[in-house]
Amino acid sequence: MANYLEALSLVERLHRLLLDVIKDEFERVGVLEINAVQALLLFNIGDNEVTAGELKSRGYYQGSNVSYNLKKLVDMGYMHHQRCEIDRRSVRVRLTQRGREIRDVVAELFMRHAEGLQSRGVLGPDGIEEITSALKRVERYWTDQIRYIY
C-alpha cells in the first residue's frame, strides 16, 4: 500500500512539474500570453483537426477545461475553429501557424529532455519503454475500474 501511494503521489507531482517545465520554457523564449496547459493542448492536437469531445474522450482533458482553453486559443489566434457540416453543434479545431509554432517549441523542449535523460545516463530507451509499459497497465486497470465497477 505504501508503494502504491508513493507512486500515485509521484504521478501527481510529475504532472505538475511537467507544467512548470513548460511554463519556464515559455518564459525563457518570451511567450507569456499562453499557459502551460494551453501549450500542451496545442502539442497534443498537433496536425490533427479535432473536436473538444474527441480530446475529452482520448482522456487528455476534462470537458469544461478543454472547452475553456480551446476558446481562449481561438481568441488568441492559435487555433482555427469551424462548425461541423453534419452536426452543427460540434466545432472542429486545428492549429494556425502561430499554434504550430507553439507546438514546435514544446516538441523541441521534449526532444532536448529525451536526449538529456539519455546523455546523462538518467534513463535510456529501454528504461523509457519499461516505464511507459507499466504506466499503460495502470491506465488500463484504472479505466477498467471506471467502466466495470459502477
C-alpha atoms as a PDB file:
ATOM      1  CA  MET A   1       0.000   0.000   0.000  1.00  0.00           C
ATOM      2  CA  ALA A   2       2.769   2.477   0.863  1.00  0.00           C
ATOM      3  CA  ASN A   3       4.485   1.901  -2.500  1.00  0.00           C
ATOM      4  CA  TYR A   4       1.204   2.400  -4.361  1.00  0.00           C
ATOM      5  CA  LEU A   5       0.526   5.678  -2.527  1.00  0.00           C
ATOM      6  CA  GLU A   6       4.068   6.828  -3.251  1.00  0.00           C
ATOM      7  CA  ALA A   7       3.569   6.028  -6.953  1.00  0.00           C
ATOM      8  CA  LEU A   8       0.286   7.971  -7.014  1.00  0.00           C
ATOM      9  CA  SER A   9       1.951  10.945  -5.371  1.00  0.00           C
ATOM     10  CA  LEU A  10       4.799  10.780  -7.864  1.00  0.00           C
ATOM     11  CA  VAL A  11       2.429  10.753 -10.854  1.00  0.00           C
ATOM     12  CA  GLU A  12       0.701  13.874  -9.499  1.00  0.00           C
ATOM     13  CA  ARG A  13       3.996  15.648  -8.799  1.00  0.00           C
ATOM     14  CA  LEU A  14       5.393  14.752 -12.225  1.00  0.00           C
ATOM     15  CA  HIS A  15       2.335  16.201 -13.966  1.00  0.00           C
ATOM     16  CA  ARG A  16       2.624  19.469 -12.038  1.00  0.00           C
ATOM     17  CA  LEU A  17       6.368  19.538 -12.637  1.00  0.00           C
ATOM     18  CA  LEU A  18       5.858  18.998 -16.376  1.00  0.00           C
ATOM     19  CA  LEU A  19       3.567  22.031 -16.450  1.00  0.00           C
ATOM     20  CA  ASP A  20       6.202  24.065 -14.566  1.00  0.00           C
ATOM     21  CA  VAL A  21       8.917  22.973 -17.018  1.00  0.00           C
ATOM     22  CA  ILE A  22       6.739  24.037 -19.957  1.00  0.00           C
ATOM     23  CA  LYS A  23       5.885  27.355 -18.270  1.00  0.00           C
ATOM     24  CA  ASP A  24       9.568  28.070 -17.647  1.00  0.00           C
ATOM     25  CA  GLU A  25      10.412  27.315 -21.285  1.00  0.00           C
ATOM     26  CA  PHE A  26       7.811  29.795 -22.500  1.00  0.00           C
ATOM     27  CA  GLU A  27       9.082  32.429 -20.091  1.00  0.00           C
ATOM     28  CA  ARG A  28      12.604  31.774 -21.402  1.00  0.00           C
ATOM     29  CA  VAL A  29      11.551  32.303 -25.032  1.00  0.00           C
ATOM     30  CA  GLY A  30       9.394  35.313 -24.125  1.00  0.00           C
ATOM     31  CA  VAL A  31       5.944  33.875 -24.830  1.00  0.00           C
ATOM     32  CA  LEU A  32       3.868  34.953 -21.847  1.00  0.00           C
ATOM     33  CA  GLU A  33       0.286  35.027 -23.146  1.00  0.00           C
ATOM     34  CA  ILE A  34      -0.120  31.262 -23.234  1.00  0.00           C
ATOM     35  CA  ASN A  35      -0.100  28.965 -20.221  1.00  0.00           C
ATOM     36  CA  ALA A  36       1.426  25.506 -19.925  1.00  0.00           C
ATOM     37  CA  VAL A  37      -1.908  23.672 -20.176  1.00  0.00           C
ATOM     38  CA  GLN A  38      -2.723  25.526 -23.399  1.00  0.00           C
ATOM     39  CA  ALA A  39       0.743  24.843 -24.834  1.00  0.00           C
ATOM     40  CA  LEU A  40       0.386  21.139 -24.032  1.00  0.00           C
ATOM     41  CA  LEU A  41      -3.065  21.153 -25.631  1.00  0.00           C
ATOM     42  CA  LEU A  42      -1.586  22.587 -28.847  1.00  0.00           C
ATOM     43  CA  PHE A  43       1.163  19.973 -28.745  1.00  0.00           C
ATOM     44  CA  ASN A  44      -1.338  17.132 -28.282  1.00  0.00           C
ATOM     45  CA  ILE A  45      -3.551  18.336 -31.130  1.00  0.00           C
ATOM     46  CA  GLY A  46      -0.564  18.619 -33.459  1.00  0.00           C
ATOM     47  CA  ASP A  47      -1.548  18.396 -37.111  1.00  0.00           C
ATOM     48  CA  ASN A  48      -4.976  16.921 -36.363  1.00  0.00           C
ATOM     49  CA  GLU A  49      -8.385  18.528 -36.698  1.00  0.00           C
ATOM     50  CA  VAL A  50     -10.437  17.591 -33.622  1.00  0.00           C
ATOM     51  CA  THR A  51     -13.460  18.435 -31.505  1.00  0.00           C
ATOM     52  CA  ALA A  52     -13.430  19.134 -27.780  1.00  0.00           C
ATOM     53  CA  GLY A  53     -15.312  15.861 -27.320  1.00  0.00           C
ATOM     54  CA  GLU A  54     -12.569  13.915 -29.075  1.00  0.00           C
ATOM     55  CA  LEU A  55      -9.916  15.434 -26.803  1.00  0.00           C
ATOM     56  CA  LYS A  56     -12.041  14.582 -23.768  1.00  0.00           C
ATOM     57  CA  SER A  57     -12.723  11.017 -24.948  1.00  0.00           C
ATOM     58  CA  ARG A  58      -8.998  10.426 -25.568  1.00  0.00           C
ATOM     59  CA  GLY A  59      -8.512  11.136 -21.889  1.00  0.00           C
ATOM     60  CA  TYR A  60      -6.391  14.262 -22.325  1.00  0.00           C
ATOM     61  CA  TYR A  61      -8.710  16.780 -20.682  1.00  0.00           C
ATOM     62  CA  GLN A  62     -11.877  17.302 -18.703  1.00  0.00           C
ATOM     63  CA  GLY A  63     -14.836  18.767 -20.601  1.00  0.00           C
ATOM     64  CA  SER A  64     -15.103  22.279 -19.157  1.00  0.00           C
ATOM     65  CA  ASN A  65     -11.318  22.660 -19.018  1.00  0.00           C
ATOM     66  CA  VAL A  66     -10.813  21.763 -22.668  1.00  0.00           C
ATOM     67  CA  SER A  67     -13.711  23.940 -23.874  1.00  0.00           C
ATOM     68  CA  TYR A  68     -12.414  26.961 -21.968  1.00  0.00           C
ATOM     69  CA  ASN A  69      -8.859  26.530 -23.229  1.00  0.00           C
ATOM     70  CA  LEU A  70      -9.920  25.901 -26.835  1.00  0.00           C
ATOM     71  CA  LYS A  71     -11.988  29.110 -26.787  1.00  0.00           C
ATOM     72  CA  LYS A  72      -9.035  31.068 -25.381  1.00  0.00           C
ATOM     73  CA  LEU A  73      -6.684  29.612 -28.000  1.00  0.00           C
ATOM     74  CA  VAL A  74      -9.099  30.508 -30.810  1.00  0.00           C
ATOM     75  CA  ASP A  75      -9.484  34.044 -29.405  1.00  0.00           C
ATOM     76  CA  MET A  76      -5.683  34.472 -29.227  1.00  0.00           C
ATOM     77  CA  GLY A  77      -5.203  33.232 -32.813  1.00  0.00           C
ATOM     78  CA  TYR A  78      -3.526  29.906 -32.057  1.00  0.00           C
ATOM     79  CA  MET A  79      -6.379  27.833 -33.466  1.00  0.00           C
ATOM     80  CA  HIS A  80      -8.978  27.938 -36.242  1.00  0.00           C
ATOM     81  CA  HIS A  81     -12.466  26.714 -35.491  1.00  0.00           C
ATOM     82  CA  GLN A  82     -15.278  25.670 -37.795  1.00  0.00           C
ATOM     83  CA  ARG A  83     -18.729  24.205 -37.206  1.00  0.00           C
ATOM     84  CA  CYS A  84     -19.135  20.647 -38.442  1.00  0.00           C
ATOM     85  CA  GLU A  85     -21.225  20.318 -41.586  1.00  0.00           C
ATOM     86  CA  ILE A  86     -23.087  17.259 -40.273  1.00  0.00           C
ATOM     87  CA  ASP A  87     -23.531  18.149 -36.589  1.00  0.00           C
ATOM     88  CA  ARG A  88     -23.839  21.938 -36.324  1.00  0.00           C
ATOM     89  CA  ARG A  89     -23.482  21.749 -32.517  1.00  0.00           C
ATOM     90  CA  SER A  90     -19.952  20.384 -32.870  1.00  0.00           C
ATOM     91  CA  VAL A  91     -16.947  22.603 -33.575  1.00  0.00           C
ATOM     92  CA  ARG A  92     -13.754  21.279 -35.144  1.00  0.00           C
ATOM     93  CA  VAL A  93     -10.466  22.983 -34.337  1.00  0.00           C
ATOM     94  CA  ARG A  94      -6.984  22.918 -35.863  1.00  0.00           C
ATOM     95  CA  LEU A  95      -3.796  24.859 -35.264  1.00  0.00           C
ATOM     96  CA  THR A  96      -2.981  28.099 -37.024  1.00  0.00           C
ATOM     97  CA  GLN A  97       0.602  28.914 -37.991  1.00  0.00           C
ATOM     98  CA  ARG A  98       1.004  30.566 -34.558  1.00  0.00           C
ATOM     99  CA  GLY A  99      -0.321  27.402 -32.925  1.00  0.00           C
ATOM    100  CA  ARG A 100       2.118  25.242 -34.887  1.00  0.00           C
ATOM    101  CA  GLU A 101       4.980  27.472 -33.705  1.00  0.00           C
ATOM    102  CA  ILE A 102       3.949  26.856 -30.076  1.00  0.00           C
ATOM    103  CA  ARG A 103       3.637  23.128 -30.769  1.00  0.00           C
ATOM    104  CA  ASP A 104       7.165  23.187 -32.183  1.00  0.00           C
ATOM    105  CA  VAL A 105       8.560  24.914 -29.069  1.00  0.00           C
ATOM    106  CA  VAL A 106       7.075  22.138 -26.900  1.00  0.00           C
ATOM    107  CA  ALA A 107       8.316  19.421 -29.283  1.00  0.00           C
ATOM    108  CA  GLU A 108      11.842  20.853 -29.200  1.00  0.00           C
ATOM    109  CA  LEU A 109      11.723  21.034 -25.396  1.00  0.00           C
ATOM    110  CA  PHE A 110      10.657  17.386 -25.172  1.00  0.00           C
ATOM    111  CA  MET A 111      13.372  16.361 -27.653  1.00  0.00           C
ATOM    112  CA  ARG A 112      16.044  18.127 -25.580  1.00  0.00           C
ATOM    113  CA  HIS A 113      14.777  16.401 -22.441  1.00  0.00           C
ATOM    114  CA  ALA A 114      14.720  12.962 -24.065  1.00  0.00           C
ATOM    115  CA  GLU A 115      18.294  13.462 -25.281  1.00  0.00           C
ATOM    116  CA  GLY A 116      19.358  14.865 -21.890  1.00  0.00           C
ATOM    117  CA  LEU A 117      17.934  11.915 -19.983  1.00  0.00           C
ATOM    118  CA  GLN A 118      19.888   9.550 -22.177  1.00  0.00           C
ATOM    119  CA  SER A 119      23.167  11.515 -22.418  1.00  0.00           C
ATOM    120  CA  ARG A 120      23.328  11.967 -18.636  1.00  0.00           C
ATOM    121  CA  GLY A 121      22.572   8.324 -18.013  1.00  0.00           C
ATOM    122  CA  VAL A 122      19.326   9.090 -16.187  1.00  0.00           C
ATOM    123  CA  LEU A 123      17.118   6.950 -18.406  1.00  0.00           C
ATOM    124  CA  GLY A 124      17.779   5.260 -21.736  1.00  0.00           C
ATOM    125  CA  PRO A 125      15.358   3.960 -24.365  1.00  0.00           C
ATOM    126  CA  ASP A 126      14.828   0.665 -22.515  1.00  0.00           C
ATOM    127  CA  GLY A 127      14.011   2.489 -19.282  1.00  0.00           C
ATOM    128  CA  ILE A 128      11.530   4.781 -21.027  1.00  0.00           C
ATOM    129  CA  GLU A 129       9.902   1.755 -22.657  1.00  0.00           C
ATOM    130  CA  GLU A 130       9.637  -0.028 -19.303  1.00  0.00           C
ATOM    131  CA  ILE A 131       8.080   2.989 -17.560  1.00  0.00           C
ATOM    132  CA  THR A 132       5.661   3.559 -20.428  1.00  0.00           C
ATOM    133  CA  SER A 133       4.585  -0.071 -20.417  1.00  0.00           C
ATOM    134  CA  ALA A 134       3.972  -0.033 -16.652  1.00  0.00           C
ATOM    135  CA  LEU A 135       2.000   3.216 -16.824  1.00  0.00           C
ATOM    136  CA  LYS A 136      -0.148   1.851 -19.655  1.00  0.00           C
ATOM    137  CA  ARG A 137      -1.005  -1.171 -17.500  1.00  0.00           C
ATOM    138  CA  VAL A 138      -2.039   1.131 -14.633  1.00  0.00           C
ATOM    139  CA  GLU A 139      -4.093   3.207 -17.071  1.00  0.00           C
ATOM    140  CA  ARG A 140      -5.900   0.093 -18.320  1.00  0.00           C
ATOM    141  CA  TYR A 141      -6.569  -1.045 -14.749  1.00  0.00           C
ATOM    142  CA  TRP A 142      -7.978   2.346 -13.720  1.00  0.00           C
ATOM    143  CA  THR A 143     -10.070   2.544 -16.902  1.00  0.00           C
ATOM    144  CA  ASP A 144     -11.498  -0.898 -16.157  1.00  0.00           C
ATOM    145  CA  GLN A 145     -12.365   0.238 -12.639  1.00  0.00           C
ATOM    146  CA  ILE A 146     -14.373   3.164 -14.015  1.00  0.00           C
ATOM    147  CA  ARG A 147     -16.122   1.162 -16.725  1.00  0.00           C
ATOM    148  CA  TYR A 148     -16.973  -2.062 -14.904  1.00  0.00           C
ATOM    149  CA  ILE A 149     -17.422  -1.371 -11.230  1.00  0.00           C
ATOM    150  CA  TYR A 150     -20.026   1.360 -11.448  1.00  0.00           C
END
